[in-house]
Structures are given as structure tokens and as C-alpha cells.
Amino acid sequence: MTEGPPCWHSNLALDEPGFDARLALYLELHRPAPPGVVRRVAPPDMNSPKVQEEVDESKRNILKLMAIGGLAAVAGGGAVGAALQYIQPPMQGLSSFPRVQLLFADGTPVQLGNIDSHIDPTKTDMYIFQYPLQGEPNVLLNLAGKYGTPPNAKYGPTPQGNYPVAFSVICQHLGCIPPFLSYYPESDVLQGGTWDKNSGAPYMHCICHGSSYNPYAADTANGGGAAILTGPTVLPLPQVLLEADSSGNLFATNEVGPAVKGHFTTLLGGTPGPIPASLSALQVPSSDQRP
């Protein structure tokens, strides 16, 4: 596969600085935000004392968790069960998919008329929002219309002929997330599998085990979602359905395809957030805006 910018994929044999960089990006991806808030998530500045402090604290917590797990295992099954019950939060969720307006981090509505100026279809940058629950990351893509109309894009195109679509950004194989699951724009081509190597169309690829997905094709066998290009995944990426109102404002309204990886149902397992998010400034800076 052709190499792209180092922000999303690098050698799997990570040294400590490489591990720290991925951990910092993982923390940035999971920074709390109300559902529907779209953030450009880029690699944090590893020279920033604030970023390094967060990484060091997270590494200490990981070691503590490993130590607690070892002690609990020695103590016996009852202690293990009690510890897991304490660590794992109670099941929460929603009874139905909410209608949530998509907003950029500064509170600006995501619209068909302005998304071209925010999201470049030829860049690998990830624009992440949480839906339907907090902690459930999805990627908002602005796909080039020259490769066709993506599934369920019942709106548009944008002024530049593109189509906004959204998918879960949790790989359906073993649950890897960005930076392991990456978006490859039209300048890249997938090597191997059944993908047309000459098409140059965008795709999603997970470097954990090689699963790849086609955002331009729906998986009809599983009720929708981005179709599988290469295994080992046996399920497509769930697709968040978007709608546009008469002013071109975009809303997340539902989800098709299998349940998000790790859930029996996408509506259970996370924490409902403030819905809909306020149109006022949300104070949720993207990584490139943080000090």
C-alpha cells in the first residue's frame, strides 16, 4: 500500500515514542464532546508539556489497571467479579435514534453549502463526531462525486459536487479505531483484494489485520453499511444516516448495517449526551486549536 501522511499510519513495530504518539491521538479521539459535534482530529503536538502530561498519566493508569487485575486474579473469582462490576459502568443508552444536528467545533452548522471549505476530499484528515451516544466515534467524509453517489446520500451534491456521508470509525473485525483505521483519499489505491486498482476511489483500511471498506457501496446482505473490500472482517462498517433540511443543514438521524462493534445494539452501552447540541460556541477545540 502506498504510504500516506504519518498522522494515520506508520510501522506496526512501535518504539516508546511511537506508542506515546498513538496514545496521545487515542486520547484526543476520546476527548468528551456532545453527540453531533464534528472535530478535526489531528496528531497532538508531542512537544507540548500538556500533551506529554496526559500521555504519562494515561500510561500510569494502564499500569495500575494491570496491577489491580493481577491482584484480583490471585484473590479469586469472587474478587474478580466484584472488580469488573466496579470498573465497568452500568448499561445505559437510548430507546431510539435521535435526530442530532451536526455542528463544527465552533458551533457553526455543518451544511451542504459550507462542508467543501471545511473537509477536503483529497486529504486523510479525520473529522470525528459521536453518535448516537457519547464515546461512539463516527467519521464524517466528504466523498468526491466523480466516483458516483454513495449509498443513502439522499441530498446534495455540494457546490463542488461532493457527498457528505458518515460511518462508524470502529473496525468491525476486532474493534480497532483511528489511527489504526484510516481514510485513504482518491490519490491512494488499495493493493490486493477485489478492489479496482485503477479506480483510485477512496476507501477505509484498518492496519490491525487488513480489513478494508468501500464507502461508495452498501452491503445489502447485512442491511447496509460500507461494503467489505478485504477481510478478515465479515461485517461492513455501520453507516450513520444523514438528512439535509431546506437550508442545507445536516442531521444524523439513524444508523444502518450491523450494530457497532462491541454492542449487541448500537443504542446500548454508552452515555446519552446533550441532544441536540447547542448552536452556541461549544468550547470543544480540535487538537490543532489546543495550547
Protein backbone atom coordinates (compact mmCIF):
# COMPACT_ATOMS: atom_id res chain seq x y z
CA MET A 1 0.00 0.00 0.00
CA THR A 2 1.22 3.47 -0.72
CA GLU A 3 2.38 5.40 2.30
CA GLY A 4 0.42 8.46 3.32
CA PRO A 5 0.90 11.17 5.93
CA PRO A 6 2.31 9.83 9.22
CA CYS A 7 -0.73 11.06 11.15
CA TRP A 8 -2.78 7.95 10.44
CA HIS A 9 -0.48 5.04 9.73
CA SER A 10 3.09 4.02 10.48
CA ASN A 11 5.18 0.95 11.20
CA LEU A 12 3.40 -1.53 13.48
CA ALA A 13 6.64 -2.22 15.38
CA LEU A 14 6.28 0.76 17.70
CA ASP A 15 9.05 2.11 19.90
CA GLU A 16 8.14 4.10 23.00
CA PRO A 17 7.85 7.48 21.18
CA GLY A 18 5.65 5.81 18.57
CA PHE A 19 3.47 4.29 21.28
CA ASP A 20 3.21 7.66 23.02
CA ALA A 21 2.14 9.34 19.77
CA ARG A 22 -0.63 6.81 19.17
CA LEU A 23 -1.75 7.01 22.78
CA ALA A 24 -1.92 10.81 22.51
CA LEU A 25 -4.06 10.51 19.37
CA TYR A 26 -6.28 7.93 21.07
CA LEU A 27 -6.84 10.33 23.97
CA GLU A 28 -7.67 13.13 21.52
CA LEU A 29 -10.22 10.93 19.75
CA HIS A 30 -11.95 10.18 23.04
CA ARG A 31 -12.00 13.73 24.37
CA PRO A 32 -15.58 14.26 25.61
CA ALA A 33 -17.91 16.05 23.21
CA PRO A 34 -21.68 16.23 22.82
CA PRO A 35 -23.10 13.97 20.09
CA GLY A 36 -23.07 15.67 16.69
CA VAL A 37 -20.03 17.91 17.28
CA VAL A 38 -17.62 17.42 14.36
CA ARG A 39 -13.94 17.81 15.25
CA ARG A 40 -10.88 17.60 13.04
CA VAL A 41 -8.68 15.21 14.95
CA ALA A 42 -5.00 15.56 14.11
CA PRO A 43 -1.92 14.26 15.94
CA PRO A 44 -1.33 16.35 19.06
CA ASP A 45 1.99 18.17 19.47
CA MET A 46 4.19 15.67 21.30
CA ASN A 47 6.48 18.52 22.40
CA SER A 48 3.65 20.14 24.34
CA PRO A 49 4.06 19.63 28.12
CA LYS A 50 0.26 19.38 28.44
CA VAL A 51 0.08 16.55 25.88
CA GLN A 52 3.02 14.67 27.42
CA GLU A 53 1.46 15.03 30.88
CA GLU A 54 -1.77 13.45 29.62
CA VAL A 55 0.18 10.60 27.99
CA ASP A 56 2.25 9.94 31.13
CA GLU A 57 -0.85 9.94 33.33
CA SER A 58 -2.62 7.51 31.00
CA LYS A 59 0.39 5.17 30.99
CA ARG A 60 0.42 5.22 34.81
CA ASN A 61 -3.29 4.39 34.86
CA ILE A 62 -2.74 1.50 32.44
CA LEU A 63 -0.03 0.07 34.73
CA LYS A 64 -2.29 0.49 37.77
CA LEU A 65 -5.12 -1.30 35.99
CA MET A 66 -2.77 -4.16 35.08
CA ALA A 67 -1.61 -4.39 38.69
CA ILE A 68 -5.18 -4.38 40.01
CA GLY A 69 -6.10 -7.08 37.50
CA GLY A 70 -3.22 -9.26 38.66
CA LEU A 71 -4.11 -8.90 42.33
CA ALA A 72 -7.77 -9.56 41.64
CA ALA A 73 -6.91 -12.73 39.73
CA VAL A 74 -4.91 -14.02 42.70
CA ALA A 75 -7.73 -13.18 45.12
CA GLY A 76 -10.20 -15.48 43.39
CA GLY A 77 -13.25 -15.48 41.16
CA GLY A 78 -15.48 -13.55 43.55
CA ALA A 79 -12.99 -10.70 43.81
CA VAL A 80 -12.57 -10.64 40.04
CA GLY A 81 -16.31 -10.38 39.51
CA ALA A 82 -16.61 -7.59 42.06
CA ALA A 83 -13.71 -5.68 40.48
CA LEU A 84 -15.16 -5.95 36.98
CA GLN A 85 -18.56 -4.83 38.21
CA TYR A 86 -16.91 -1.83 39.84
CA ILE A 87 -14.81 -0.89 36.80
CA GLN A 88 -17.49 -1.39 34.13
CA PRO A 89 -20.22 1.28 34.23
CA PRO A 90 -23.83 0.16 34.25
CA MET A 91 -25.53 -0.33 30.88
CA GLN A 92 -27.01 2.90 29.57
CA GLY A 93 -28.43 4.01 26.27
CA LEU A 94 -31.39 5.31 24.31
CA SER A 95 -34.67 3.77 23.22
CA SER A 96 -34.43 5.13 19.66
CA PHE A 97 -32.06 7.02 17.36
CA PRO A 98 -32.25 10.78 17.96
CA ARG A 99 -32.22 13.48 15.31
CA VAL A 100 -29.00 15.42 16.00
CA GLN A 101 -27.74 18.43 14.08
CA LEU A 102 -24.08 18.24 13.05
CA LEU A 103 -22.00 21.20 14.18
CA PHE A 104 -18.39 22.15 13.76
CA ALA A 105 -16.45 22.69 17.00
CA ASP A 106 -17.03 26.46 16.92
CA GLY A 107 -20.81 25.93 16.79
CA THR A 108 -21.16 26.55 13.03
CA PRO A 109 -23.79 24.23 11.50
CA VAL A 110 -22.46 21.64 9.05
CA GLN A 111 -24.16 22.45 5.75
CA LEU A 112 -24.07 21.26 2.18
CA GLY A 113 -23.00 24.79 1.28
CA ASN A 114 -20.00 25.03 3.63
CA ILE A 115 -18.64 21.50 4.04
CA ASP A 116 -16.37 21.81 0.96
CA SER A 117 -14.48 24.62 2.67
CA HIS A 118 -14.04 22.53 5.84
CA ILE A 119 -13.42 18.99 4.60
CA ASP A 120 -11.14 18.40 1.60
CA PRO A 121 -11.98 15.06 -0.11
CA THR A 122 -8.30 14.59 -1.08
CA LYS A 123 -6.95 14.76 2.50
CA THR A 124 -6.54 11.96 5.04
CA ASP A 125 -7.73 14.17 7.92
CA MET A 126 -10.39 12.56 10.09
CA TYR A 127 -13.46 14.57 11.10
CA ILE A 128 -14.94 12.72 14.06
CA PHE A 129 -18.30 13.09 15.79
CA GLN A 130 -20.07 10.99 18.39
CA TYR A 131 -23.47 9.49 17.67
CA PRO A 132 -25.88 8.27 18.92
CA LEU A 133 -24.09 8.12 22.28
CA GLN A 134 -21.06 9.74 23.83
CA GLY A 135 -17.99 7.62 23.22
CA GLU A 136 -19.26 6.24 19.89
CA PRO A 137 -16.94 7.79 17.25
CA ASN A 138 -18.01 8.20 13.63
CA VAL A 139 -16.19 9.78 10.72
CA LEU A 140 -17.78 12.44 8.51
CA LEU A 141 -16.47 12.08 4.95
CA ASN A 142 -16.93 14.46 2.04
CA LEU A 143 -16.71 11.97 -0.83
CA ALA A 144 -15.85 13.07 -4.36
CA GLY A 145 -18.92 12.82 -6.58
CA LYS A 146 -16.90 11.82 -9.64
CA TYR A 147 -16.83 8.26 -8.33
CA GLY A 148 -20.61 8.08 -8.06
CA THR A 149 -23.25 8.72 -5.43
CA PRO A 150 -22.58 6.98 -2.10
CA PRO A 151 -25.36 4.82 -0.62
CA ASN A 152 -28.12 6.64 1.27
CA ALA A 153 -26.91 10.08 0.15
CA LYS A 154 -30.44 11.39 -0.45
CA TYR A 155 -29.31 15.02 -0.65
CA GLY A 156 -26.71 17.12 -2.40
CA PRO A 157 -24.37 17.26 -4.07
CA THR A 158 -22.36 20.06 -2.52
CA PRO A 159 -21.35 23.09 -4.66
CA GLN A 160 -18.17 21.20 -5.65
CA GLY A 161 -20.06 18.02 -6.50
CA ASN A 162 -19.24 16.04 -3.35
CA TYR A 163 -21.40 13.97 -1.00
CA PRO A 164 -21.13 14.03 2.82
CA VAL A 165 -21.57 10.59 4.39
CA ALA A 166 -20.80 9.17 7.82
CA PHE A 167 -19.69 5.77 9.09
CA SER A 168 -18.72 4.22 12.39
CA VAL A 169 -14.98 4.51 12.77
CA ILE A 170 -14.66 1.30 14.82
CA CYS A 171 -13.38 -1.59 12.70
CA GLN A 172 -15.90 -4.43 12.63
CA HIS A 173 -13.20 -7.09 12.90
CA LEU A 174 -11.73 -6.56 16.37
CA GLY A 175 -12.74 -3.00 17.18
CA CYS A 176 -9.63 -1.03 16.17
CA ILE A 177 -10.16 2.71 15.83
CA PRO A 178 -8.11 5.55 14.30
CA PRO A 179 -5.18 5.88 13.92
CA PHE A 180 -5.27 2.15 13.07
CA LEU A 181 -8.43 2.54 10.98
CA SER A 182 -7.64 5.15 8.34
CA TYR A 183 -9.28 7.03 5.50
CA TYR A 184 -7.42 6.90 2.19
CA PRO A 185 -8.42 9.63 -0.28
CA GLU A 186 -8.68 9.39 -4.01
CA SER A 187 -4.91 9.63 -4.53
CA ASP A 188 -4.34 6.19 -2.99
CA VAL A 189 -5.23 2.72 -4.28
CA LEU A 190 -5.77 -0.48 -2.34
CA GLN A 191 -3.31 -3.26 -3.11
CA GLY A 192 -4.85 -6.72 -3.34
CA GLY A 193 -8.36 -7.98 -2.78
CA THR A 194 -11.17 -7.33 -5.25
CA TRP A 195 -10.75 -3.55 -5.37
CA ASP A 196 -10.27 -1.99 -8.80
CA LYS A 197 -6.67 -0.83 -8.55
CA ASN A 198 -7.17 1.64 -11.39
CA SER A 199 -10.21 3.38 -9.95
CA GLY A 200 -8.36 5.48 -7.37
CA ALA A 201 -11.57 5.87 -5.37
CA PRO A 202 -11.39 6.47 -1.59
CA TYR A 203 -11.68 3.62 0.88
CA MET A 204 -11.28 2.83 4.59
CA HIS A 205 -8.50 0.48 5.69
CA CYS A 206 -7.52 -0.96 9.08
CA ILE A 207 -3.83 -1.76 9.55
CA CYS A 208 -4.54 -4.04 12.54
CA HIS A 209 -5.36 -7.01 10.31
CA GLY A 210 -6.02 -5.61 6.82
CA SER A 211 -9.81 -5.17 6.74
CA SER A 212 -10.95 -2.63 4.15
CA TYR A 213 -14.30 -1.00 3.37
CA ASN A 214 -15.87 0.75 0.38
CA PRO A 215 -17.85 3.88 1.33
CA TYR A 216 -19.34 4.02 -2.18
CA ALA A 217 -21.14 0.67 -1.92
CA ALA A 218 -23.73 -0.61 0.54
CA ASP A 219 -23.59 -4.13 1.95
CA THR A 220 -27.07 -5.44 1.16
CA ALA A 221 -26.54 -8.79 2.87
CA ASN A 222 -26.17 -7.09 6.26
CA GLY A 223 -28.77 -4.35 5.79
CA GLY A 224 -26.37 -1.59 4.75
CA GLY A 225 -23.09 -0.06 5.81
CA ALA A 226 -19.82 0.37 3.88
CA ALA A 227 -19.28 -2.84 1.89
CA ILE A 228 -16.33 -5.11 2.63
CA LEU A 229 -13.37 -4.86 0.25
CA THR A 230 -10.93 -7.16 2.05
CA GLY A 231 -11.21 -9.38 5.12
CA PRO A 232 -10.78 -10.68 7.71
CA THR A 233 -13.84 -8.65 8.73
CA VAL A 234 -17.13 -10.37 7.94
CA LEU A 235 -19.28 -7.33 8.68
CA PRO A 236 -19.43 -3.90 6.95
CA LEU A 237 -18.90 -0.58 8.69
CA PRO A 238 -22.23 0.71 10.06
CA GLN A 239 -23.42 3.87 8.30
CA VAL A 240 -24.91 6.86 10.10
CA LEU A 241 -27.79 8.16 8.03
CA LEU A 242 -27.70 11.89 7.30
CA GLU A 243 -30.52 14.19 6.24
CA ALA A 244 -30.49 17.77 5.00
CA ASP A 245 -33.21 20.30 5.78
CA SER A 246 -34.42 23.02 3.40
CA SER A 247 -31.47 25.24 4.39
CA GLY A 248 -28.90 22.52 3.75
CA ASN A 249 -28.18 21.84 7.43
CA LEU A 250 -27.09 18.23 8.00
CA PHE A 251 -28.57 15.99 10.69
CA ALA A 252 -27.69 12.50 11.90
CA THR A 253 -30.97 10.61 12.14
CA ASN A 254 -30.37 6.85 12.22
CA GLU A 255 -27.91 4.06 11.53
CA VAL A 256 -27.99 1.11 9.12
CA GLY A 257 -25.95 -2.06 8.92
CA PRO A 258 -24.83 -4.23 11.82
CA ALA A 259 -24.51 -2.97 15.38
CA VAL A 260 -21.36 -1.03 16.21
CA LYS A 261 -18.54 -3.40 17.17
CA GLY A 262 -18.75 -4.31 20.84
CA HIS A 263 -22.50 -3.71 21.13
CA PHE A 264 -25.47 -6.04 20.98
CA THR A 265 -27.34 -2.96 19.85
CA THR A 266 -25.85 0.42 18.94
CA LEU A 267 -28.30 2.18 21.26
CA LEU A 268 -26.97 0.48 24.40
CA GLY A 269 -23.63 0.66 26.15
CA GLY A 270 -22.77 4.35 26.16
CA THR A 271 -23.91 7.53 27.84
CA PRO A 272 -26.56 9.73 26.21
CA GLY A 273 -25.28 13.27 25.72
CA PRO A 274 -26.99 16.65 25.48
CA ILE A 275 -29.22 16.29 22.39
CA PRO A 276 -29.39 18.31 20.28
CA ALA A 277 -26.09 20.09 20.80
CA SER A 278 -26.42 23.84 21.24
CA LEU A 279 -25.79 26.15 18.29
CA SER A 280 -23.72 28.37 20.57
CA ALA A 281 -19.93 28.05 20.74
CA LEU A 282 -19.33 24.63 22.27
CA GLN A 283 -15.83 25.04 23.70
CA VAL A 284 -14.72 21.75 22.18
CA PRO A 285 -11.45 22.66 20.45
CA SER A 286 -9.88 20.38 17.88
CA SER A 287 -6.35 19.19 18.54
CA ASP A 288 -4.82 21.85 16.31
CA GLN A 289 -6.53 24.56 18.38
CA ARG A 290 -5.34 23.32 21.77
CA PRO A 291 -2.43 25.03 23.54
